Amino acid sequence: MSHVKNYNDYINEGHLPFSIERELRINKAEFIFDEDETEDDDDTRFDSVEVYSWRDRNSGANWLGKVAVGGAFYYLEIQKDEEVVFSEKYPKSQRAYFDQDCANSLGFSPEL
């Protein structure tokens, strides 16, 4: 019966760890599109990149959310004070999981 999803799989089918999601929600994260960071990103692996930023007023931490499309994959990377705390690669067939993780971390689904 390993092919049958359990209750937890139905609730959260994304890959974002709950600890990161909780921290962002508790601190009411509001990521905004960062045009300067997007233009400075010179990662040649990706066809299209968007960078979103947010500064946590309580802790002073700087957060970056980087979303990208490259080849047959979507990418989501979350950094806290320039340290990568989450990085995931999603096949294009799993766009729903990518959108769910973006909604839980960035607060919306990017226009890629």
N, C-alpha and C. Protein backbone atom coordinates (compact mmCIF):
# COMPACT_ATOMS: atom_id res chain seq x y z
N MET A 1 0.81 -1.19 0.00
CA MET A 1 0.00 0.00 0.00
C MET A 1 0.86 1.27 0.00
N SER A 2 2.11 1.15 -0.41
CA SER A 2 2.98 2.31 -0.40
C SER A 2 2.59 3.32 -1.50
N HIS A 3 1.80 2.92 -2.48
CA HIS A 3 1.40 3.83 -3.54
C HIS A 3 0.25 4.75 -3.12
N VAL A 4 -0.40 4.47 -2.02
CA VAL A 4 -1.51 5.29 -1.53
C VAL A 4 -0.93 6.43 -0.69
N LYS A 5 -1.32 7.66 -1.01
CA LYS A 5 -0.84 8.81 -0.26
C LYS A 5 -1.45 8.83 1.13
N ASN A 6 -0.64 9.26 2.09
CA ASN A 6 -1.18 9.43 3.43
C ASN A 6 -1.72 10.86 3.58
N TYR A 7 -2.30 11.16 4.73
CA TYR A 7 -2.94 12.45 4.95
C TYR A 7 -1.95 13.61 4.78
N ASN A 8 -0.74 13.44 5.30
CA ASN A 8 0.26 14.51 5.22
C ASN A 8 0.63 14.81 3.77
N ASP A 9 0.69 13.80 2.91
CA ASP A 9 1.00 14.02 1.49
C ASP A 9 -0.07 14.85 0.80
N TYR A 10 -1.33 14.67 1.20
CA TYR A 10 -2.40 15.47 0.61
C TYR A 10 -2.36 16.91 1.09
N ILE A 11 -1.98 17.12 2.34
CA ILE A 11 -1.96 18.46 2.90
C ILE A 11 -0.85 19.30 2.28
N ASN A 12 0.36 18.76 2.17
CA ASN A 12 1.49 19.51 1.65
C ASN A 12 2.25 18.66 0.65
N GLU A 13 2.01 18.92 -0.62
CA GLU A 13 2.70 18.17 -1.65
C GLU A 13 3.95 18.87 -2.13
N GLY A 14 4.26 20.03 -1.58
CA GLY A 14 5.46 20.76 -1.95
C GLY A 14 6.68 20.21 -1.26
N HIS A 15 7.81 20.85 -1.50
CA HIS A 15 9.08 20.38 -0.94
C HIS A 15 9.65 21.30 0.12
N LEU A 16 9.07 22.47 0.30
CA LEU A 16 9.57 23.45 1.24
C LEU A 16 9.46 22.94 2.67
N PRO A 17 10.57 22.91 3.43
CA PRO A 17 10.51 22.46 4.82
C PRO A 17 9.61 23.36 5.66
N PHE A 18 8.88 22.76 6.57
CA PHE A 18 7.94 23.51 7.40
C PHE A 18 8.65 24.56 8.26
N SER A 19 9.87 24.29 8.67
CA SER A 19 10.59 25.25 9.53
C SER A 19 10.80 26.58 8.81
N ILE A 20 11.11 26.54 7.52
CA ILE A 20 11.29 27.77 6.74
C ILE A 20 9.93 28.44 6.52
N GLU A 21 8.94 27.65 6.13
CA GLU A 21 7.60 28.19 5.91
C GLU A 21 7.07 28.87 7.17
N ARG A 22 7.25 28.24 8.32
CA ARG A 22 6.78 28.79 9.58
C ARG A 22 7.48 30.12 9.90
N GLU A 23 8.80 30.15 9.74
CA GLU A 23 9.55 31.37 10.03
C GLU A 23 9.08 32.53 9.15
N LEU A 24 8.84 32.26 7.88
CA LEU A 24 8.39 33.31 6.98
C LEU A 24 6.98 33.77 7.31
N ARG A 25 6.10 32.85 7.66
CA ARG A 25 4.72 33.22 7.98
C ARG A 25 4.63 33.96 9.31
N ILE A 26 5.38 33.52 10.31
CA ILE A 26 5.35 34.19 11.62
C ILE A 26 5.83 35.63 11.49
N ASN A 27 6.86 35.84 10.68
CA ASN A 27 7.41 37.18 10.51
C ASN A 27 6.71 37.98 9.41
N LYS A 28 5.64 37.41 8.85
CA LYS A 28 4.84 38.08 7.83
C LYS A 28 5.69 38.57 6.66
N ALA A 29 6.41 37.64 6.07
CA ALA A 29 7.30 37.95 4.95
C ALA A 29 6.52 38.51 3.77
N GLU A 30 7.05 39.57 3.19
CA GLU A 30 6.47 40.17 1.99
C GLU A 30 7.58 40.39 0.98
N PHE A 31 7.84 39.37 0.18
CA PHE A 31 8.87 39.46 -0.84
C PHE A 31 8.42 40.38 -1.96
N ILE A 32 9.34 41.22 -2.44
CA ILE A 32 9.05 42.10 -3.57
C ILE A 32 10.10 41.86 -4.65
N PHE A 33 9.70 42.08 -5.89
CA PHE A 33 10.61 41.88 -7.01
C PHE A 33 11.79 42.83 -6.88
N ASP A 34 13.00 42.31 -6.98
CA ASP A 34 14.23 43.10 -6.84
C ASP A 34 14.89 43.18 -8.21
N GLU A 35 14.64 44.28 -8.90
CA GLU A 35 15.14 44.45 -10.27
C GLU A 35 16.67 44.46 -10.33
N ASP A 36 17.32 45.10 -9.34
CA ASP A 36 18.78 45.18 -9.33
C ASP A 36 19.41 43.80 -9.19
N GLU A 37 18.91 43.00 -8.25
CA GLU A 37 19.44 41.65 -8.05
C GLU A 37 19.18 40.78 -9.28
N THR A 38 18.03 40.94 -9.89
CA THR A 38 17.69 40.15 -11.07
C THR A 38 18.65 40.47 -12.22
N GLU A 39 18.94 41.74 -12.42
CA GLU A 39 19.85 42.14 -13.49
C GLU A 39 21.29 41.71 -13.20
N ASP A 40 21.68 41.70 -11.93
CA ASP A 40 23.04 41.30 -11.56
C ASP A 40 23.26 39.80 -11.62
N ASP A 41 22.19 39.02 -11.62
CA ASP A 41 22.32 37.57 -11.63
C ASP A 41 22.79 37.12 -13.01
N ASP A 42 23.97 36.55 -13.06
CA ASP A 42 24.54 36.13 -14.35
C ASP A 42 24.70 34.61 -14.45
N ASP A 43 23.80 33.88 -13.81
CA ASP A 43 23.84 32.42 -13.84
C ASP A 43 23.44 31.95 -15.24
N THR A 44 24.36 31.34 -15.96
CA THR A 44 24.12 30.93 -17.35
C THR A 44 23.32 29.64 -17.46
N ARG A 45 23.04 28.98 -16.34
CA ARG A 45 22.25 27.73 -16.38
C ARG A 45 20.80 27.99 -16.72
N PHE A 46 20.34 29.22 -16.52
CA PHE A 46 18.92 29.50 -16.61
C PHE A 46 18.56 30.34 -17.82
N ASP A 47 17.36 30.10 -18.36
CA ASP A 47 16.83 30.89 -19.46
C ASP A 47 16.23 32.19 -18.94
N SER A 48 15.59 32.12 -17.78
CA SER A 48 14.92 33.28 -17.19
C SER A 48 15.07 33.21 -15.67
N VAL A 49 15.38 34.35 -15.05
CA VAL A 49 15.58 34.42 -13.59
C VAL A 49 14.83 35.62 -13.04
N GLU A 50 14.19 35.43 -11.89
CA GLU A 50 13.59 36.53 -11.15
C GLU A 50 14.06 36.42 -9.71
N VAL A 51 14.44 37.55 -9.11
CA VAL A 51 14.91 37.57 -7.72
C VAL A 51 13.98 38.47 -6.91
N TYR A 52 13.56 37.97 -5.76
CA TYR A 52 12.68 38.69 -4.85
C TYR A 52 13.40 38.85 -3.52
N SER A 53 13.20 39.97 -2.86
CA SER A 53 13.91 40.21 -1.60
C SER A 53 12.93 40.67 -0.52
N TRP A 54 13.37 40.47 0.72
CA TRP A 54 12.61 40.90 1.88
C TRP A 54 13.57 41.05 3.05
N ARG A 55 13.42 42.10 3.82
CA ARG A 55 14.24 42.33 5.02
C ARG A 55 13.36 42.15 6.24
N ASP A 56 13.76 41.22 7.11
CA ASP A 56 13.03 40.95 8.34
C ASP A 56 13.39 42.04 9.36
N ARG A 57 12.43 42.85 9.70
CA ARG A 57 12.67 43.96 10.63
C ARG A 57 12.98 43.48 12.05
N ASN A 58 12.42 42.34 12.44
CA ASN A 58 12.64 41.83 13.80
C ASN A 58 14.07 41.36 14.00
N SER A 59 14.56 40.55 13.09
CA SER A 59 15.91 39.97 13.26
C SER A 59 16.98 40.69 12.44
N GLY A 60 16.57 41.51 11.47
CA GLY A 60 17.51 42.19 10.60
C GLY A 60 18.05 41.32 9.48
N ALA A 61 17.49 40.13 9.32
CA ALA A 61 17.95 39.20 8.29
C ALA A 61 17.49 39.65 6.90
N ASN A 62 18.35 39.47 5.92
CA ASN A 62 18.01 39.74 4.52
C ASN A 62 17.70 38.41 3.84
N TRP A 63 16.53 38.32 3.25
CA TRP A 63 16.10 37.12 2.55
C TRP A 63 16.05 37.39 1.06
N LEU A 64 16.45 36.40 0.27
CA LEU A 64 16.32 36.44 -1.18
C LEU A 64 15.61 35.18 -1.64
N GLY A 65 14.69 35.35 -2.55
CA GLY A 65 14.04 34.23 -3.19
C GLY A 65 14.36 34.29 -4.67
N LYS A 66 15.00 33.27 -5.17
CA LYS A 66 15.41 33.24 -6.58
C LYS A 66 14.61 32.15 -7.28
N VAL A 67 13.87 32.53 -8.31
CA VAL A 67 13.11 31.57 -9.12
C VAL A 67 13.64 31.64 -10.54
N ALA A 68 13.70 30.49 -11.19
CA ALA A 68 14.29 30.45 -12.53
C ALA A 68 13.69 29.32 -13.35
N VAL A 69 13.86 29.45 -14.65
CA VAL A 69 13.51 28.40 -15.61
C VAL A 69 14.76 28.11 -16.41
N GLY A 70 15.07 26.83 -16.53
CA GLY A 70 16.22 26.42 -17.31
C GLY A 70 16.01 25.03 -17.87
N GLY A 71 16.03 24.91 -19.18
CA GLY A 71 15.81 23.60 -19.80
C GLY A 71 14.41 23.10 -19.48
N ALA A 72 14.34 21.91 -18.90
CA ALA A 72 13.06 21.29 -18.58
C ALA A 72 12.73 21.39 -17.10
N PHE A 73 13.30 22.39 -16.42
CA PHE A 73 13.13 22.48 -14.97
C PHE A 73 12.79 23.90 -14.53
N TYR A 74 12.09 23.97 -13.39
CA TYR A 74 11.91 25.20 -12.63
C TYR A 74 12.81 25.10 -11.42
N TYR A 75 13.33 26.22 -10.96
CA TYR A 75 14.23 26.24 -9.80
C TYR A 75 13.72 27.24 -8.77
N LEU A 76 13.86 26.88 -7.51
CA LEU A 76 13.55 27.78 -6.41
C LEU A 76 14.69 27.70 -5.41
N GLU A 77 15.24 28.86 -5.08
CA GLU A 77 16.32 28.93 -4.10
C GLU A 77 15.98 30.04 -3.11
N ILE A 78 16.11 29.76 -1.83
CA ILE A 78 15.85 30.74 -0.79
C ILE A 78 17.13 30.93 0.01
N GLN A 79 17.53 32.19 0.17
CA GLN A 79 18.74 32.52 0.92
C GLN A 79 18.37 33.40 2.11
N LYS A 80 19.07 33.16 3.20
CA LYS A 80 18.93 34.01 4.39
C LYS A 80 20.32 34.51 4.73
N ASP A 81 20.52 35.82 4.65
CA ASP A 81 21.83 36.43 4.89
C ASP A 81 22.91 35.76 4.05
N GLU A 82 22.64 35.61 2.76
CA GLU A 82 23.56 35.06 1.75
C GLU A 82 23.90 33.59 1.95
N GLU A 83 23.17 32.89 2.81
CA GLU A 83 23.35 31.45 3.00
C GLU A 83 22.13 30.75 2.43
N VAL A 84 22.35 29.78 1.56
CA VAL A 84 21.24 29.06 0.94
C VAL A 84 20.61 28.14 1.99
N VAL A 85 19.32 28.38 2.29
CA VAL A 85 18.60 27.56 3.26
C VAL A 85 17.67 26.56 2.58
N PHE A 86 17.36 26.80 1.30
CA PHE A 86 16.51 25.87 0.55
C PHE A 86 16.82 26.01 -0.93
N SER A 87 16.95 24.89 -1.60
CA SER A 87 17.17 24.88 -3.03
C SER A 87 16.50 23.62 -3.61
N GLU A 88 15.70 23.81 -4.63
CA GLU A 88 14.97 22.69 -5.21
C GLU A 88 14.84 22.87 -6.71
N LYS A 89 14.88 21.75 -7.42
CA LYS A 89 14.72 21.72 -8.88
C LYS A 89 13.47 20.90 -9.16
N TYR A 90 12.54 21.47 -9.93
CA TYR A 90 11.26 20.84 -10.23
C TYR A 90 11.15 20.57 -11.72
N PRO A 91 10.83 19.34 -12.13
CA PRO A 91 10.55 19.11 -13.55
C PRO A 91 9.33 19.93 -13.98
N LYS A 92 9.28 20.33 -15.23
CA LYS A 92 8.17 21.15 -15.70
C LYS A 92 6.82 20.45 -15.51
N SER A 93 6.81 19.14 -15.44
CA SER A 93 5.56 18.43 -15.19
C SER A 93 5.07 18.62 -13.75
N GLN A 94 5.93 19.14 -12.87
CA GLN A 94 5.55 19.38 -11.47
C GLN A 94 5.39 20.87 -11.18
N ARG A 95 4.86 21.61 -12.13
CA ARG A 95 4.66 23.06 -11.96
C ARG A 95 3.79 23.35 -10.74
N ALA A 96 2.83 22.50 -10.44
CA ALA A 96 1.96 22.73 -9.28
C ALA A 96 2.76 22.73 -7.98
N TYR A 97 3.74 21.85 -7.85
CA TYR A 97 4.56 21.81 -6.64
C TYR A 97 5.44 23.06 -6.55
N PHE A 98 5.97 23.48 -7.68
CA PHE A 98 6.77 24.70 -7.74
C PHE A 98 5.91 25.90 -7.31
N ASP A 99 4.70 26.00 -7.87
CA ASP A 99 3.81 27.10 -7.52
C ASP A 99 3.44 27.07 -6.04
N GLN A 100 3.21 25.88 -5.50
CA GLN A 100 2.86 25.76 -4.09
C GLN A 100 4.01 26.23 -3.21
N ASP A 101 5.23 25.81 -3.51
CA ASP A 101 6.38 26.22 -2.70
C ASP A 101 6.63 27.72 -2.84
N CYS A 102 6.43 28.27 -4.03
CA CYS A 102 6.58 29.73 -4.21
C CYS A 102 5.52 30.47 -3.40
N ALA A 103 4.29 29.97 -3.42
CA ALA A 103 3.22 30.63 -2.67
C ALA A 103 3.50 30.57 -1.18
N ASN A 104 4.04 29.46 -0.69
CA ASN A 104 4.33 29.32 0.74
C ASN A 104 5.54 30.14 1.17
N SER A 105 6.49 30.35 0.27
CA SER A 105 7.71 31.09 0.65
C SER A 105 7.64 32.55 0.21
N LEU A 106 7.33 32.80 -1.06
CA LEU A 106 7.32 34.17 -1.58
C LEU A 106 5.97 34.86 -1.39
N GLY A 107 4.93 34.08 -1.22
CA GLY A 107 3.60 34.65 -1.05
C GLY A 107 2.81 34.76 -2.33
N PHE A 108 3.38 34.33 -3.45
CA PHE A 108 2.70 34.35 -4.74
C PHE A 108 3.46 33.46 -5.71
N SER A 109 2.88 33.24 -6.87
CA SER A 109 3.54 32.45 -7.91
C SER A 109 4.13 33.41 -8.94
N PRO A 110 5.44 33.33 -9.18
CA PRO A 110 6.08 34.25 -10.13
C PRO A 110 5.62 34.03 -11.56
N GLU A 111 5.78 35.06 -12.37
CA GLU A 111 5.38 35.01 -13.78
C GLU A 111 6.57 34.55 -14.63
N LEU A 112 6.82 33.27 -14.68
CA LEU A 112 7.90 32.73 -15.51
C LEU A 112 7.34 32.06 -16.73
